[in-house]
Amino acid sequence: MFGRKFATTQLQSALHAKGSASLLVGLCWVLPAHTGSWNHVFAAMIGLDLVEASLAAAWCLTTIARTGGVPGEPSRVSGRVSADRTRRITASGSPELI
């Protein structure tokens, strides 16, 4: 997702990350003040990292399942390499290029 085609997406991601960080900074100052330790802050950040990683994995896996492969890579059907990603399922249950 690089280049002019995805410039808006990149900007949106950067601004979303900055907004999320600005909200979390306040929480990161309140937690050590109440608990007396930074361990809870680190645990919260690790938890949020795990949530983010699971959401990214779910997005990638659904994209792969929907397109039949990694986006940008040619799909392989019956040993043939085809750039066409449009498929249908036949009566026997096997995928077939349209």
N, C-alpha and C. Protein backbone atom coordinates (compact mmCIF):
# COMPACT_ATOMS: atom_id res chain seq x y z
N MET A 1 0.81 -1.17 0.00
CA MET A 1 0.00 0.00 0.00
C MET A 1 0.87 1.25 0.00
N PHE A 2 1.67 1.37 -1.02
CA PHE A 2 2.52 2.54 -1.14
C PHE A 2 2.26 3.20 -2.48
N GLY A 3 2.63 4.44 -2.59
CA GLY A 3 2.49 5.15 -3.85
C GLY A 3 1.31 6.12 -3.82
N ARG A 4 1.12 6.79 -4.95
CA ARG A 4 0.08 7.81 -5.05
C ARG A 4 -1.31 7.24 -4.91
N LYS A 5 -1.51 6.01 -5.35
CA LYS A 5 -2.83 5.40 -5.32
C LYS A 5 -3.35 5.27 -3.89
N PHE A 6 -2.48 5.04 -2.94
CA PHE A 6 -2.88 4.80 -1.55
C PHE A 6 -2.52 5.95 -0.63
N ALA A 7 -2.29 7.14 -1.17
CA ALA A 7 -1.88 8.29 -0.35
C ALA A 7 -2.95 8.64 0.69
N THR A 8 -4.20 8.63 0.31
CA THR A 8 -5.27 8.96 1.25
C THR A 8 -5.37 7.93 2.36
N THR A 9 -5.22 6.66 2.02
CA THR A 9 -5.28 5.60 3.02
C THR A 9 -4.13 5.74 4.01
N GLN A 10 -2.94 6.06 3.50
CA GLN A 10 -1.79 6.22 4.38
C GLN A 10 -1.99 7.40 5.34
N LEU A 11 -2.51 8.50 4.82
CA LEU A 11 -2.74 9.67 5.65
C LEU A 11 -3.79 9.37 6.72
N GLN A 12 -4.85 8.69 6.32
CA GLN A 12 -5.90 8.33 7.28
C GLN A 12 -5.34 7.44 8.38
N SER A 13 -4.50 6.48 8.02
CA SER A 13 -3.90 5.58 9.03
C SER A 13 -3.02 6.36 9.99
N ALA A 14 -2.23 7.29 9.46
CA ALA A 14 -1.34 8.08 10.32
C ALA A 14 -2.14 8.96 11.27
N LEU A 15 -3.19 9.60 10.75
CA LEU A 15 -3.99 10.47 11.61
C LEU A 15 -4.77 9.67 12.66
N HIS A 16 -5.23 8.49 12.28
CA HIS A 16 -5.92 7.63 13.24
C HIS A 16 -4.97 7.20 14.36
N ALA A 17 -3.76 6.85 13.99
CA ALA A 17 -2.77 6.44 15.00
C ALA A 17 -2.44 7.60 15.94
N LYS A 18 -2.31 8.81 15.39
CA LYS A 18 -2.02 9.97 16.24
C LYS A 18 -3.16 10.26 17.19
N GLY A 19 -4.40 10.15 16.71
CA GLY A 19 -5.55 10.39 17.56
C GLY A 19 -5.66 9.37 18.67
N SER A 20 -5.44 8.11 18.32
CA SER A 20 -5.49 7.05 19.33
C SER A 20 -4.39 7.25 20.37
N ALA A 21 -3.21 7.61 19.92
CA ALA A 21 -2.09 7.83 20.84
C ALA A 21 -2.38 8.99 21.78
N SER A 22 -3.02 10.05 21.27
CA SER A 22 -3.29 11.20 22.13
C SER A 22 -4.27 10.84 23.24
N LEU A 23 -5.19 9.93 22.96
CA LEU A 23 -6.12 9.49 24.01
C LEU A 23 -5.44 8.56 25.01
N LEU A 24 -4.53 7.73 24.53
CA LEU A 24 -3.87 6.77 25.42
C LEU A 24 -2.81 7.40 26.30
N VAL A 25 -2.26 8.55 25.89
CA VAL A 25 -1.23 9.20 26.70
C VAL A 25 -1.81 9.61 28.05
N GLY A 26 -3.03 10.14 28.04
CA GLY A 26 -3.66 10.52 29.30
C GLY A 26 -3.85 9.33 30.22
N LEU A 27 -4.27 8.20 29.65
CA LEU A 27 -4.45 6.98 30.44
C LEU A 27 -3.11 6.51 30.99
N CYS A 28 -2.06 6.64 30.21
CA CYS A 28 -0.74 6.18 30.64
C CYS A 28 -0.18 7.03 31.78
N TRP A 29 -0.66 8.25 31.96
CA TRP A 29 -0.22 9.05 33.10
C TRP A 29 -1.07 8.79 34.33
N VAL A 30 -2.33 8.39 34.14
CA VAL A 30 -3.22 8.14 35.27
C VAL A 30 -2.91 6.79 35.93
N LEU A 31 -2.64 5.77 35.13
CA LEU A 31 -2.39 4.43 35.69
C LEU A 31 -1.23 4.39 36.69
N PRO A 32 -0.04 4.91 36.35
CA PRO A 32 1.05 4.84 37.34
C PRO A 32 0.78 5.70 38.57
N ALA A 33 0.00 6.77 38.40
CA ALA A 33 -0.29 7.62 39.56
C ALA A 33 -1.16 6.87 40.57
N HIS A 34 -2.09 6.06 40.08
CA HIS A 34 -2.98 5.32 40.98
C HIS A 34 -2.37 4.02 41.49
N THR A 35 -1.59 3.35 40.65
CA THR A 35 -1.06 2.05 41.05
C THR A 35 0.34 2.13 41.64
N GLY A 36 1.08 3.20 41.32
CA GLY A 36 2.44 3.34 41.82
C GLY A 36 3.46 2.54 41.02
N SER A 37 3.04 1.96 39.89
CA SER A 37 3.95 1.15 39.09
C SER A 37 3.61 1.31 37.60
N TRP A 38 4.62 1.19 36.78
CA TRP A 38 4.41 1.26 35.34
C TRP A 38 4.04 -0.10 34.75
N ASN A 39 4.05 -1.15 35.54
CA ASN A 39 3.75 -2.48 35.04
C ASN A 39 2.36 -2.57 34.41
N HIS A 40 1.38 -1.87 35.00
CA HIS A 40 0.03 -1.90 34.44
C HIS A 40 -0.03 -1.21 33.08
N VAL A 41 0.76 -0.16 32.91
CA VAL A 41 0.82 0.53 31.61
C VAL A 41 1.40 -0.41 30.56
N PHE A 42 2.48 -1.07 30.90
CA PHE A 42 3.10 -2.00 29.95
C PHE A 42 2.16 -3.16 29.62
N ALA A 43 1.45 -3.66 30.62
CA ALA A 43 0.50 -4.76 30.39
C ALA A 43 -0.64 -4.29 29.47
N ALA A 44 -1.11 -3.06 29.68
CA ALA A 44 -2.18 -2.52 28.82
C ALA A 44 -1.69 -2.37 27.38
N MET A 45 -0.48 -1.90 27.20
CA MET A 45 0.05 -1.74 25.84
C MET A 45 0.26 -3.09 25.15
N ILE A 46 0.71 -4.08 25.91
CA ILE A 46 0.87 -5.42 25.34
C ILE A 46 -0.50 -5.98 24.95
N GLY A 47 -1.50 -5.77 25.78
CA GLY A 47 -2.85 -6.22 25.45
C GLY A 47 -3.39 -5.55 24.20
N LEU A 48 -3.18 -4.24 24.08
CA LEU A 48 -3.63 -3.53 22.88
C LEU A 48 -2.86 -3.98 21.64
N ASP A 49 -1.59 -4.29 21.79
CA ASP A 49 -0.81 -4.82 20.66
C ASP A 49 -1.37 -6.16 20.21
N LEU A 50 -1.74 -7.01 21.15
CA LEU A 50 -2.33 -8.31 20.80
C LEU A 50 -3.67 -8.15 20.09
N VAL A 51 -4.48 -7.21 20.55
CA VAL A 51 -5.76 -6.94 19.88
C VAL A 51 -5.52 -6.46 18.46
N GLU A 52 -4.58 -5.54 18.29
CA GLU A 52 -4.27 -5.01 16.96
C GLU A 52 -3.73 -6.11 16.04
N ALA A 53 -2.87 -6.96 16.56
CA ALA A 53 -2.32 -8.05 15.74
C ALA A 53 -3.40 -9.04 15.34
N SER A 54 -4.34 -9.32 16.24
CA SER A 54 -5.41 -10.26 15.88
C SER A 54 -6.35 -9.65 14.85
N LEU A 55 -6.63 -8.35 14.95
CA LEU A 55 -7.47 -7.70 13.94
C LEU A 55 -6.78 -7.67 12.58
N ALA A 56 -5.47 -7.41 12.57
CA ALA A 56 -4.73 -7.41 11.30
C ALA A 56 -4.70 -8.80 10.68
N ALA A 57 -4.51 -9.81 11.52
CA ALA A 57 -4.50 -11.19 11.01
C ALA A 57 -5.86 -11.57 10.46
N ALA A 58 -6.93 -11.18 11.16
CA ALA A 58 -8.28 -11.49 10.68
C ALA A 58 -8.54 -10.80 9.34
N TRP A 59 -8.11 -9.56 9.21
CA TRP A 59 -8.30 -8.84 7.95
C TRP A 59 -7.52 -9.51 6.82
N CYS A 60 -6.26 -9.88 7.09
CA CYS A 60 -5.45 -10.53 6.06
C CYS A 60 -6.04 -11.88 5.65
N LEU A 61 -6.47 -12.66 6.63
CA LEU A 61 -7.00 -13.99 6.31
C LEU A 61 -8.32 -13.89 5.55
N THR A 62 -9.17 -12.93 5.90
CA THR A 62 -10.42 -12.79 5.14
C THR A 62 -10.15 -12.30 3.73
N THR A 63 -9.15 -11.45 3.56
CA THR A 63 -8.78 -10.98 2.21
C THR A 63 -8.26 -12.14 1.38
N ILE A 64 -7.43 -12.97 1.97
CA ILE A 64 -6.89 -14.13 1.26
C ILE A 64 -8.01 -15.10 0.91
N ALA A 65 -8.92 -15.33 1.84
CA ALA A 65 -10.03 -16.26 1.58
C ALA A 65 -10.97 -15.71 0.51
N ARG A 66 -11.21 -14.40 0.53
CA ARG A 66 -12.12 -13.80 -0.44
C ARG A 66 -11.53 -13.78 -1.85
N THR A 67 -10.24 -13.48 -1.97
CA THR A 67 -9.63 -13.36 -3.29
C THR A 67 -9.02 -14.65 -3.78
N GLY A 68 -8.88 -15.63 -2.92
CA GLY A 68 -8.29 -16.90 -3.33
C GLY A 68 -6.78 -16.88 -3.31
N GLY A 69 -6.18 -15.91 -2.69
CA GLY A 69 -4.73 -15.85 -2.61
C GLY A 69 -4.29 -14.51 -2.06
N VAL A 70 -3.02 -14.27 -2.09
CA VAL A 70 -2.47 -13.02 -1.62
C VAL A 70 -2.74 -11.95 -2.67
N PRO A 71 -3.27 -10.78 -2.28
CA PRO A 71 -3.53 -9.74 -3.26
C PRO A 71 -2.26 -9.34 -4.01
N GLY A 72 -2.37 -9.23 -5.30
CA GLY A 72 -1.23 -8.87 -6.13
C GLY A 72 -0.47 -10.06 -6.67
N GLU A 73 -0.73 -11.24 -6.15
CA GLU A 73 -0.09 -12.46 -6.62
C GLU A 73 -1.04 -13.19 -7.56
N PRO A 74 -0.52 -13.86 -8.58
CA PRO A 74 -1.40 -14.64 -9.44
C PRO A 74 -1.96 -15.84 -8.69
N SER A 75 -3.22 -16.17 -8.96
CA SER A 75 -3.82 -17.32 -8.29
C SER A 75 -3.51 -18.59 -9.05
N ARG A 76 -3.46 -19.70 -8.34
CA ARG A 76 -3.15 -20.99 -8.96
C ARG A 76 -4.38 -21.88 -8.88
N VAL A 77 -4.86 -22.30 -10.04
CA VAL A 77 -6.00 -23.20 -10.10
C VAL A 77 -5.62 -24.33 -11.04
N SER A 78 -5.67 -25.54 -10.56
CA SER A 78 -5.36 -26.74 -11.34
C SER A 78 -3.98 -26.66 -11.99
N GLY A 79 -3.01 -26.11 -11.28
CA GLY A 79 -1.65 -26.05 -11.80
C GLY A 79 -1.42 -24.90 -12.77
N ARG A 80 -2.47 -24.21 -13.18
CA ARG A 80 -2.32 -23.08 -14.09
C ARG A 80 -2.21 -21.81 -13.28
N VAL A 81 -1.42 -20.88 -13.78
CA VAL A 81 -1.33 -19.58 -13.15
C VAL A 81 -2.26 -18.66 -13.92
N SER A 82 -3.16 -18.01 -13.20
CA SER A 82 -4.13 -17.14 -13.83
C SER A 82 -4.20 -15.83 -13.06
N ALA A 83 -4.19 -14.71 -13.76
CA ALA A 83 -4.32 -13.41 -13.12
C ALA A 83 -5.78 -13.10 -12.81
N ASP A 84 -6.69 -13.83 -13.42
CA ASP A 84 -8.11 -13.61 -13.19
C ASP A 84 -8.51 -14.22 -11.86
N ARG A 85 -9.11 -13.43 -10.97
CA ARG A 85 -9.48 -13.93 -9.65
C ARG A 85 -10.97 -14.24 -9.55
N THR A 86 -11.70 -14.16 -10.64
CA THR A 86 -13.12 -14.44 -10.61
C THR A 86 -13.32 -15.94 -10.73
N ARG A 87 -13.97 -16.53 -9.71
CA ARG A 87 -14.17 -17.97 -9.69
C ARG A 87 -15.62 -18.28 -9.34
N ARG A 88 -16.03 -19.45 -9.64
CA ARG A 88 -17.31 -19.93 -9.18
C ARG A 88 -17.12 -21.36 -8.69
N ILE A 89 -18.00 -21.79 -7.85
CA ILE A 89 -17.92 -23.15 -7.32
C ILE A 89 -18.85 -24.03 -8.15
N THR A 90 -18.30 -25.12 -8.66
CA THR A 90 -19.08 -26.02 -9.50
C THR A 90 -19.93 -26.93 -8.61
N ALA A 91 -20.77 -27.75 -9.23
CA ALA A 91 -21.64 -28.64 -8.48
C ALA A 91 -20.83 -29.64 -7.65
N SER A 92 -19.65 -30.00 -8.12
CA SER A 92 -18.81 -30.95 -7.38
C SER A 92 -18.10 -30.28 -6.20
N GLY A 93 -18.17 -28.95 -6.12
CA GLY A 93 -17.57 -28.23 -5.00
C GLY A 93 -16.18 -27.71 -5.28
N SER A 94 -15.67 -27.92 -6.50
CA SER A 94 -14.33 -27.43 -6.80
C SER A 94 -14.41 -26.05 -7.46
N PRO A 95 -13.42 -25.19 -7.19
CA PRO A 95 -13.45 -23.85 -7.80
C PRO A 95 -13.13 -23.91 -9.29
N GLU A 96 -13.73 -23.02 -10.03
CA GLU A 96 -13.52 -22.98 -11.48
C GLU A 96 -13.45 -21.53 -11.90
N LEU A 97 -12.48 -21.19 -12.76
CA LEU A 97 -12.39 -19.83 -13.27
C LEU A 97 -13.55 -19.55 -14.20
N ILE A 98 -14.06 -18.35 -14.12
CA ILE A 98 -15.16 -17.96 -15.01
C ILE A 98 -14.58 -17.29 -16.24
